[in-house]
Protein backbone atom coordinates (compact mmCIF):
# COMPACT_ATOMS: atom_id res chain seq x y z
CA UNK A 1 -60.57 15.08 30.73
CA UNK A 2 -62.38 12.90 33.27
CA UNK A 3 -61.04 9.78 31.54
CA UNK A 4 -57.52 11.23 31.78
CA UNK A 5 -57.83 11.85 35.53
CA UNK A 6 -59.27 8.36 35.99
CA UNK A 7 -56.29 6.86 34.09
CA UNK A 8 -53.81 8.70 36.31
CA UNK A 9 -55.54 7.52 39.46
CA UNK A 10 -55.61 3.92 38.20
CA UNK A 11 -51.94 4.16 37.25
CA UNK A 12 -50.92 5.25 40.72
CA UNK A 13 -53.06 2.53 42.30
CA UNK A 14 -51.52 -0.13 40.04
CA UNK A 15 -48.01 0.99 40.95
CA UNK A 16 -48.89 0.97 44.65
CA UNK A 17 -50.35 -2.52 44.43
CA UNK A 18 -47.23 -3.76 42.60
CA UNK A 19 -44.96 -2.30 45.27
CA UNK A 20 -47.10 -3.84 48.01
CA UNK A 21 -46.95 -7.20 46.23
CA UNK A 22 -43.14 -7.15 46.11
CA UNK A 23 -43.10 -6.15 49.77
CA UNK A 24 -45.30 -9.11 50.71
CA UNK A 25 -43.00 -11.45 48.81
CA UNK A 26 -40.18 -10.12 50.94
CA UNK A 27 -37.92 -9.22 47.99
CA UNK A 28 -37.52 -6.45 45.47
CA UNK A 29 -36.09 -7.57 42.11
CA UNK A 30 -32.52 -6.40 41.55
CA UNK A 31 -33.62 -4.81 38.30
CA UNK A 32 -36.03 -2.59 40.22
CA UNK A 33 -33.08 -1.10 42.08
CA UNK A 34 -30.60 -0.86 39.21
CA UNK A 35 -31.79 -1.95 35.79
CA UNK A 36 -29.29 -4.07 33.90
CA UNK A 37 -28.60 -2.96 30.33
CA UNK A 38 -31.21 -4.39 28.03
CA UNK A 39 -30.70 -5.45 24.43
CA UNK A 40 -31.26 -2.35 22.31
CA UNK A 41 -32.73 -2.78 18.84
CA UNK A 42 -31.13 0.50 17.76
CA UNK A 43 -27.67 -0.43 19.03
CA UNK A 44 -27.94 -3.89 17.50
CA UNK A 45 -29.00 -2.52 14.12
CA UNK A 46 -26.16 0.03 14.14
CA UNK A 47 -23.54 -2.59 15.03
CA UNK A 48 -24.73 -5.00 12.31
CA UNK A 49 -24.72 -2.20 9.72
CA UNK A 50 -21.26 -1.21 10.92
CA UNK A 51 -20.06 -4.79 10.53
CA UNK A 52 -21.30 -4.77 6.93
CA UNK A 53 -19.52 -1.45 6.33
CA UNK A 54 -16.27 -2.86 7.68
CA UNK A 55 -16.64 -5.91 5.46
CA UNK A 56 -16.93 -3.58 2.47
CA UNK A 57 -13.53 -2.15 3.38
CA UNK A 58 -11.78 -5.38 2.38
CA UNK A 59 -13.01 -5.29 -1.26
CA UNK A 60 -12.23 -1.57 -1.15
CA UNK A 61 -8.69 -2.39 -0.09
CA UNK A 62 -8.53 -4.99 -2.86
CA UNK A 63 -9.34 -2.36 -5.50
CA UNK A 64 -6.96 0.14 -3.87
CA UNK A 65 -4.07 -2.31 -3.96
CA UNK A 66 -4.97 -3.86 -7.34
CA UNK A 67 -4.86 -0.49 -9.06
CA UNK A 68 -1.31 0.10 -7.84
CA UNK A 69 0.21 -3.14 -9.13
CA UNK A 70 1.10 -4.01 -12.72
CA UNK A 71 -1.75 -5.40 -14.79
CA UNK A 72 -0.28 -8.92 -14.82
CA UNK A 73 -0.89 -9.09 -11.05
CA UNK A 74 -4.29 -7.43 -10.71
CA UNK A 75 -6.36 -10.59 -10.17
CA UNK A 76 -3.87 -12.15 -7.76
CA UNK A 77 -3.88 -8.96 -5.68
CA UNK A 78 -7.68 -8.83 -5.52
CA UNK A 79 -7.80 -12.55 -4.75
CA UNK A 80 -5.62 -12.13 -1.68
CA UNK A 81 -8.10 -9.78 -0.03
CA UNK A 82 -11.13 -11.73 -1.25
CA UNK A 83 -9.98 -15.13 -0.01
CA UNK A 84 -9.15 -13.67 3.41
CA UNK A 85 -12.85 -12.92 3.90
CA UNK A 86 -13.50 -16.66 3.70
CA UNK A 87 -10.34 -17.86 5.47
CA UNK A 88 -10.49 -15.58 8.51
CA UNK A 89 -14.28 -15.86 8.84
CA UNK A 90 -13.86 -19.59 9.45
CA UNK A 91 -10.79 -19.15 11.67
CA UNK A 92 -12.60 -16.55 13.77
CA UNK A 93 -15.62 -18.75 14.41
CA UNK A 94 -13.63 -21.89 15.24
CA UNK A 95 -10.87 -20.48 17.43
CA UNK A 96 -9.94 -16.85 16.66
CA UNK A 97 -12.65 -15.10 18.66
CA UNK A 98 -12.02 -17.32 21.65
CA UNK A 99 -8.29 -16.61 21.57
CA UNK A 100 -8.86 -12.86 21.31
CA UNK A 101 -11.87 -12.28 23.57
CA UNK A 102 -12.54 -15.50 25.47
CA UNK A 103 -11.97 -15.91 29.20
CA UNK A 104 -8.52 -17.03 30.24
CA UNK A 105 -5.52 -15.95 32.25
CA UNK A 106 -2.79 -16.40 29.65
CA UNK A 107 -0.75 -13.27 28.92
CA UNK A 108 -1.20 -13.57 25.16
CA UNK A 109 -4.43 -15.49 24.66
CA UNK A 110 -7.98 -15.39 25.95
CA UNK A 111 -8.28 -19.17 26.07
CA UNK A 112 -10.20 -21.87 24.23
CA UNK A 113 -13.45 -21.87 26.22
CA UNK A 114 -15.41 -20.42 23.30
CA UNK A 115 -14.25 -22.74 20.52
CA UNK A 116 -16.87 -22.86 17.75
CA UNK A 117 -18.54 -19.96 19.64
CA UNK A 118 -19.90 -22.37 22.26
CA UNK A 119 -20.51 -21.51 25.92
CA UNK A 120 -20.47 -17.76 25.28
CA UNK A 121 -22.70 -15.57 27.46
CA UNK A 122 -25.67 -13.98 25.75
CA UNK A 123 -23.93 -10.59 25.70
CA UNK A 124 -20.32 -9.45 25.84
CA UNK A 125 -19.34 -7.13 28.70
CA UNK A 126 -17.69 -5.01 26.00
CA UNK A 127 -21.05 -4.45 24.29
CA UNK A 128 -23.81 -5.13 26.83
CA UNK A 129 -26.70 -3.69 24.79
CA UNK A 130 -26.33 -6.01 21.78
CA UNK A 131 -26.41 -9.82 21.36
CA UNK A 132 -23.00 -11.41 21.70
CA UNK A 133 -23.11 -12.66 18.11
CA UNK A 134 -23.45 -9.06 16.91
CA UNK A 135 -20.28 -8.01 18.72
CA UNK A 136 -18.49 -11.17 17.59
CA UNK A 137 -19.24 -10.65 13.89
CA UNK A 138 -18.33 -6.97 14.11
CA UNK A 139 -14.93 -7.95 15.50
CA UNK A 140 -14.61 -10.64 12.81
CA UNK A 141 -14.49 -7.92 10.15
CA UNK A 142 -11.51 -6.32 11.90
CA UNK A 143 -9.77 -9.68 11.99
CA UNK A 144 -10.37 -10.09 8.24
CA UNK A 145 -9.02 -6.77 7.02
CA UNK A 146 -5.89 -6.71 9.21
CA UNK A 147 -3.92 -9.46 7.40
CA UNK A 148 -5.29 -8.08 4.13
CA UNK A 149 -3.46 -4.83 4.82
CA UNK A 150 -0.14 -6.70 4.81
CA UNK A 151 -0.71 -7.77 1.19
CA UNK A 152 0.57 -4.41 -0.01
CA UNK A 153 4.08 -5.18 1.25
CA UNK A 154 4.58 -8.42 -0.68
CA UNK A 155 2.48 -7.61 -3.75
CA UNK A 156 3.60 -9.23 -7.01
CA UNK A 157 5.93 -11.86 -5.53
CA UNK A 158 4.25 -14.08 -2.91
CA UNK A 159 2.98 -17.57 -3.76
CA UNK A 160 -0.70 -18.24 -3.15
CA UNK A 161 0.03 -21.30 -0.99
CA UNK A 162 2.49 -19.36 1.11
CA UNK A 163 0.04 -16.49 1.41
CA UNK A 164 -2.79 -18.71 2.70
CA UNK A 165 -0.70 -20.58 5.26
CA UNK A 166 1.14 -17.48 6.48
CA UNK A 167 -2.08 -15.46 6.80
CA UNK A 168 -3.79 -18.16 8.85
CA UNK A 169 -0.83 -18.47 11.21
CA UNK A 170 -0.37 -14.71 11.43
CA UNK A 171 -4.02 -14.14 12.35
CA UNK A 172 -3.71 -16.77 15.09
CA UNK A 173 -0.34 -15.87 16.59
CA UNK A 174 -0.09 -12.13 15.95
CA UNK A 175 -3.51 -10.55 15.51
CA UNK A 176 -5.45 -12.58 18.10
CA UNK A 177 -2.91 -12.04 20.92
CA UNK A 178 -2.64 -8.29 20.29
CA UNK A 179 -6.43 -7.98 20.17
CA UNK A 180 -6.56 -9.83 23.49
CA UNK A 181 -3.88 -7.64 25.07
CA UNK A 182 -5.57 -4.36 24.11
CA UNK A 183 -9.31 -5.13 23.82
CA UNK A 184 -9.97 -8.58 25.22
CA UNK A 185 -9.16 -7.98 28.87
CA UNK A 186 -5.40 -8.37 28.54
CA UNK A 187 -2.44 -6.51 29.99
CA UNK A 188 -2.47 -3.29 27.99
CA UNK A 189 -6.20 -2.88 28.37
CA UNK A 190 -5.75 -3.17 32.15
CA UNK A 191 -3.05 -0.47 31.98
CA UNK A 192 -5.55 1.88 30.36
CA UNK A 193 -4.19 1.87 26.80
CA UNK A 194 -6.51 3.79 24.47
CA UNK A 195 -7.23 2.27 21.07
CA UNK A 196 -10.79 3.05 20.09
CA UNK A 197 -10.90 1.20 16.78
CA UNK A 198 -7.53 -0.37 16.03
CA UNK A 199 -4.49 1.89 15.74
CA UNK A 200 -2.26 -0.66 17.46
CA UNK A 201 -4.38 -3.80 17.07
CA UNK A 202 -4.99 -3.37 13.33
CA UNK A 203 -2.64 -0.87 11.73
CA UNK A 204 0.54 -1.19 13.74
CA UNK A 205 0.42 -4.98 13.82
CA UNK A 206 -0.06 -5.19 10.06
CA UNK A 207 2.28 -2.29 9.27
CA UNK A 208 5.29 -3.59 11.20
CA UNK A 209 4.69 -7.13 9.99
CA UNK A 210 4.62 -5.73 6.45
CA UNK A 211 8.02 -4.11 6.96
CA UNK A 212 9.50 -7.40 8.17
CA UNK A 213 8.06 -9.33 5.21
CA UNK A 214 9.24 -6.76 2.66
CA UNK A 215 12.79 -7.09 3.98
CA UNK A 216 12.68 -10.90 4.22
CA UNK A 217 11.22 -11.45 0.75
CA UNK A 218 13.56 -9.03 -0.97
CA UNK A 219 12.88 -6.77 -3.91
CA UNK A 220 10.73 -7.54 -6.90
CA UNK A 221 12.68 -8.52 -10.00
CA UNK A 222 13.70 -5.28 -11.71
CA UNK A 223 12.83 -3.05 -8.75
CA UNK A 224 14.86 0.14 -8.95
CA UNK A 225 15.75 -0.47 -12.60
CA UNK A 226 12.37 -0.87 -14.25
CA UNK A 227 9.47 1.56 -14.09
CA UNK A 228 6.61 0.01 -12.09
CA UNK A 229 3.82 2.59 -12.09
CA UNK A 230 0.26 1.84 -10.92
CA UNK A 231 -1.58 0.24 -13.85
CA UNK A 232 -5.03 1.70 -13.06
CA UNK A 233 -5.40 4.81 -10.91
CA UNK A 234 -9.17 4.68 -11.40
CA UNK A 235 -9.22 1.50 -9.32
CA UNK A 236 -7.04 3.18 -6.70
CA UNK A 237 -9.49 6.06 -6.27
CA UNK A 238 -12.46 3.70 -6.24
CA UNK A 239 -10.80 1.63 -3.55
CA UNK A 240 -9.88 4.67 -1.47
CA UNK A 241 -13.45 5.95 -1.71
CA UNK A 242 -14.86 2.60 -0.55
CA UNK A 243 -12.36 2.57 2.31
CA UNK A 244 -13.42 6.07 3.37
CA UNK A 245 -17.08 5.01 3.26
CA UNK A 246 -16.60 1.72 5.09
CA UNK A 247 -14.34 3.29 7.71
CA UNK A 248 -17.34 4.98 9.31
CA UNK A 249 -18.44 1.51 10.39
CA UNK A 250 -14.89 0.73 11.49
CA UNK A 251 -14.64 3.76 13.75
CA UNK A 252 -18.14 4.92 14.65
CA UNK A 253 -19.28 1.31 14.97
CA UNK A 254 -16.64 0.79 17.66
CA UNK A 255 -18.85 2.74 20.05
CA UNK A 256 -21.01 -0.43 19.95
CA UNK A 257 -24.07 1.78 20.35
CA UNK A 258 -26.04 4.35 18.40
CA UNK A 259 -25.13 7.26 20.67
CA UNK A 260 -23.24 10.54 20.94
CA UNK A 261 -19.88 8.75 21.12
CA UNK A 262 -20.54 7.11 17.75
CA UNK A 263 -21.38 10.54 16.34
CA UNK A 264 -18.11 11.96 17.66
CA UNK A 265 -16.15 9.10 16.13
CA UNK A 266 -17.97 9.55 12.82
CA UNK A 267 -17.27 13.28 12.58
CA UNK A 268 -13.65 13.17 13.79
CA UNK A 269 -12.98 10.35 11.31
CA UNK A 270 -14.27 12.38 8.38
CA UNK A 271 -12.50 15.54 9.50
CA UNK A 272 -9.06 13.96 9.99
CA UNK A 273 -9.33 12.11 6.68
CA UNK A 274 -10.25 15.24 4.75
CA UNK A 275 -7.45 17.20 6.40
CA UNK A 276 -4.89 14.50 5.63
CA UNK A 277 -5.90 14.32 1.96
CA UNK A 278 -5.57 18.09 1.61
CA UNK A 279 -2.24 18.13 3.42
CA UNK A 280 -0.80 15.37 1.21
CA UNK A 281 -1.81 17.30 -1.90
CA UNK A 282 -0.24 20.45 -0.48
CA UNK A 283 3.02 18.61 0.26
CA UNK A 284 3.11 17.26 -3.30
CA UNK A 285 2.51 20.74 -4.70
CA UNK A 286 5.44 22.06 -2.71
CA UNK A 287 7.71 19.09 -3.45
CA UNK A 288 6.84 18.33 -7.10
CA UNK A 289 4.66 21.20 -8.26
CA UNK A 290 1.60 18.96 -8.85
CA UNK A 291 -0.96 17.22 -6.68
CA UNK A 292 -1.57 13.65 -7.84
CA UNK A 293 -4.62 11.42 -7.59
CA UNK A 294 -2.47 8.71 -6.00
CA UNK A 295 -1.29 11.24 -3.44
CA UNK A 296 -4.81 12.36 -2.59
CA UNK A 297 -5.88 8.74 -2.12
CA UNK A 298 -2.79 7.94 -0.03
CA UNK A 299 -3.35 10.99 2.15
CA UNK A 300 -6.97 10.03 2.78
CA UNK A 301 -5.99 6.50 3.79
CA UNK A 302 -3.23 7.85 6.05
CA UNK A 303 -5.78 10.10 7.73
CA UNK A 304 -8.16 7.19 8.23
CA UNK A 305 -5.37 5.14 9.79
CA UNK A 306 -4.21 7.86 12.16
CA UNK A 307 -7.63 8.83 13.49
CA UNK A 308 -8.68 5.22 14.09
CA UNK A 309 -7.32 4.84 17.64
CA UNK A 310 -8.26 8.41 18.58
CA UNK A 311 -11.71 8.98 17.03
CA UNK A 312 -13.65 8.16 20.19
CA UNK A 313 -11.36 10.12 22.51
CA UNK A 314 -10.53 13.42 20.78
CA UNK A 315 -12.46 16.48 19.66
CA UNK A 316 -12.45 18.14 16.25
CA UNK A 317 -9.37 20.26 16.99
CA UNK A 318 -7.42 17.13 17.84
CA UNK A 319 -8.64 15.37 14.70
CA UNK A 320 -7.46 18.26 12.51
CA UNK A 321 -3.98 18.13 14.00
CA UNK A 322 -3.81 14.35 13.74
CA UNK A 323 -4.84 14.45 10.08
CA UNK A 324 -2.45 17.25 9.18
CA UNK A 325 0.61 15.73 10.84
CA UNK A 326 0.08 12.15 9.63
CA UNK A 327 0.42 13.15 5.99
CA UNK A 328 3.76 14.82 6.69
CA UNK A 329 5.00 11.75 8.58
CA UNK A 330 3.81 9.16 6.06
CA UNK A 331 4.99 11.15 3.05
CA UNK A 332 8.43 11.43 4.68
CA UNK A 333 8.46 7.71 5.48
CA UNK A 334 7.85 6.87 1.82
CA UNK A 335 10.68 9.17 0.72
CA UNK A 336 12.97 7.46 3.23
CA UNK A 337 11.95 4.06 1.82
CA UNK A 338 12.91 5.21 -1.65
CA UNK A 339 16.30 6.36 -0.38
CA UNK A 340 16.93 3.13 1.54
CA UNK A 341 15.82 1.03 -1.43
CA UNK A 342 13.75 -1.67 0.29
CA UNK A 343 10.65 -2.87 -1.58
CA UNK A 344 7.49 -2.34 0.44
CA UNK A 345 5.53 -2.59 -2.81
CA UNK A 346 2.47 -0.49 -1.92
CA UNK A 347 3.82 1.36 1.13
CA UNK A 348 1.99 -0.62 3.77
CA UNK A 349 4.53 0.24 6.45
CA UNK A 350 4.83 3.85 5.33
CA UNK A 351 1.07 4.40 5.69
CA UNK A 352 -0.21 1.83 8.20
CA UNK A 353 2.86 1.29 10.33
CA UNK A 354 3.85 4.95 10.57
CA UNK A 355 0.27 6.24 10.53
CA UNK A 356 -0.87 3.74 13.15
CA UNK A 357 2.07 4.61 15.40
CA UNK A 358 1.35 8.31 15.12
CA UNK A 359 -2.36 7.80 15.76
CA UNK A 360 -1.71 5.74 18.90
CA UNK A 361 0.73 8.30 20.30
CA UNK A 362 -1.46 11.24 19.25
CA UNK A 363 -4.32 9.71 21.22
CA UNK A 364 -2.15 10.09 24.31
CA UNK A 365 -1.68 13.77 23.44
CA UNK A 366 -5.21 14.96 22.52
CA UNK A 367 -7.48 12.53 24.43
CA UNK A 368 -10.22 14.13 26.51
CA UNK A 369 -12.12 12.32 29.24
CA UNK A 370 -15.01 14.69 28.58
CA UNK A 371 -15.41 13.09 25.15
CA UNK A 372 -15.40 9.53 26.48
CA UNK A 373 -15.75 8.89 30.19
CA UNK A 374 -14.33 5.39 29.71
CA UNK A 375 -11.10 6.91 28.42
CA UNK A 376 -8.60 9.31 29.97
CA UNK A 377 -7.17 12.77 29.46
CA UNK A 378 -4.04 13.12 27.36
CA UNK A 379 -0.94 15.28 27.68
CA UNK A 380 -2.65 18.52 26.63
CA UNK A 381 -5.33 17.98 29.26
CA UNK A 382 -2.71 17.56 31.98
CA UNK A 383 -2.12 13.79 31.99
CA UNK A 384 1.34 12.93 30.60
CA UNK A 385 1.05 9.45 32.09
CA UNK A 386 -1.37 8.46 29.34
CA UNK A 387 1.26 9.14 26.70
CA UNK A 388 3.63 6.77 28.50
CA UNK A 389 0.99 4.04 28.47
CA UNK A 390 0.48 4.59 24.75
CA UNK A 391 4.24 4.51 24.16
CA UNK A 392 4.59 1.22 26.02
CA UNK A 393 1.76 -0.33 23.99
CA UNK A 394 3.24 0.95 20.73
CA UNK A 395 6.68 -0.44 21.57
CA UNK A 396 5.41 -3.89 22.46
CA UNK A 397 3.16 -4.09 19.39
CA UNK A 398 6.01 -3.18 17.03
CA UNK A 399 8.52 -5.61 18.53
CA UNK A 400 6.06 -8.49 18.90
CA UNK A 401 4.67 -8.09 15.37
CA UNK A 402 8.12 -8.05 13.79
CA UNK A 403 9.48 -10.95 15.87
CA UNK A 404 6.54 -13.29 15.26
CA UNK A 405 6.43 -12.39 11.57
CA UNK A 406 10.07 -13.39 11.19
CA UNK A 407 9.42 -16.73 12.90
CA UNK A 408 6.32 -17.44 10.82
CA UNK A 409 8.06 -16.43 7.60
CA UNK A 410 10.85 -18.98 8.03
CA UNK A 411 8.39 -21.66 9.15
CA UNK A 412 6.20 -21.23 6.07
CA UNK A 413 9.11 -20.70 3.70
CA UNK A 414 10.70 -24.00 4.78
CA UNK A 415 7.43 -25.91 4.32
CA UNK A 416 5.23 -24.65 1.46
CA UNK A 417 7.47 -21.79 0.29
CA UNK A 418 6.81 -18.06 0.33
CA UNK A 419 8.19 -16.37 -2.76
CA UNK A 420 7.35 -17.47 -6.29
CA UNK A 421 10.10 -18.48 -8.70
CA UNK A 422 11.72 -16.00 -11.06
CA UNK A 423 9.86 -17.30 -14.10
CA UNK A 424 6.51 -17.16 -12.28
CA UNK A 425 7.19 -13.59 -11.18
CA UNK A 426 8.05 -12.54 -14.73
CA UNK A 427 4.90 -14.18 -16.07
CA UNK A 428 2.78 -12.50 -13.41
CA UNK A 429 0.88 -13.96 -10.50
CA UNK A 430 -2.46 -13.91 -12.34
CA UNK A 431 -1.29 -16.60 -14.74
CA UNK A 432 1.33 -18.38 -12.62
CA UNK A 433 -0.82 -18.69 -9.46
CA UNK A 434 -4.39 -18.72 -10.81
CA UNK A 435 -4.24 -19.50 -14.53
CA UNK A 436 -6.29 -16.41 -15.37
CA UNK A 437 -5.83 -12.92 -16.75
CA UNK A 438 -7.45 -9.73 -15.57
CA UNK A 439 -7.37 -8.16 -19.04
CA UNK A 440 -7.68 -9.74 -22.47
CA UNK A 441 -6.92 -6.67 -24.54
């Protein structure tokens, strides 16, 4: 007990001497008045784990898409997602991150000051408690999966050369500018647009670009006359499960800290996804009398898409409504596609374009500033202005994505070519583009 009292007295004396010393020096360190955020080991660990989880989503997407194509195209479909991990990783380090998040006053781009990741500050103002490299590599995983999502629109008919060149240009001139506008200090971020983890930046940009490409490329040979069912629904469910798992890094990791906001994003993500999967099955039961495994997987992915922009701004009630409504919207969009007859092979626009649009607008309806003080209230909390900001962001993203995709399509098509020849398409992309087969039985 005596030792304890002695320790307290010594502690107070030490503190007094330190204060006197600063006084004699004539200055008090700024940190003594208002401590700057320090690098947090916990936040850093969570963000790096989240980055790994998001990376896992791209192989998950590869399985999801590969199971839905015919077996003669399974390897080519997986290859598209796999090679994007390498392609965009290099692009991001050399110039992509600088264009999206670097300093600069251009409307569309952040500038080239951080080429090869040089001259970056130690931390990003967007994630001040982790090293800048941690935030950079987390964002790299978003940049990787976004062009991979588009693959579902042109499955079974795009040349590998055309795919590589188009994807590189698309990442540079579509994804990077939109990321800058919403997250990197650009115009829509300054307006107060809410996109916690990528409803506009990731899903709308890829979804609307997918619609443009599906229309420009035209239908697969035999589409509408031949039966083209998914060749392996087991792969589809495996891929959807990996997407659901990895999406926790996508959404909860976007808090950039191991805190209550990450927990809210985690729980709302799971809740909306579960609700959307159930709702899709219910719609199928009503419409066709049976709930399908493909429908359950599609509903889950639609729920993941819709909650992505909202997960860090809404409560559980909002997440339930977002998940329930997105399945109705996306299911309807797919039925409309069938009636119109255009060939969005794996329904990228129907799920990501429509689901991302709904999620971005729904954020403006159910957002609560009490959930995230950096956000804003939505319509139901008495702030209709936020919905207008979301609407403006949605409109620009859709128009810009479609317009640039059209330009890039014709540029690549006139140089290396986009669509494979008729004989190559009949043979299958596995053999015609890669000289391999996924199955030998």
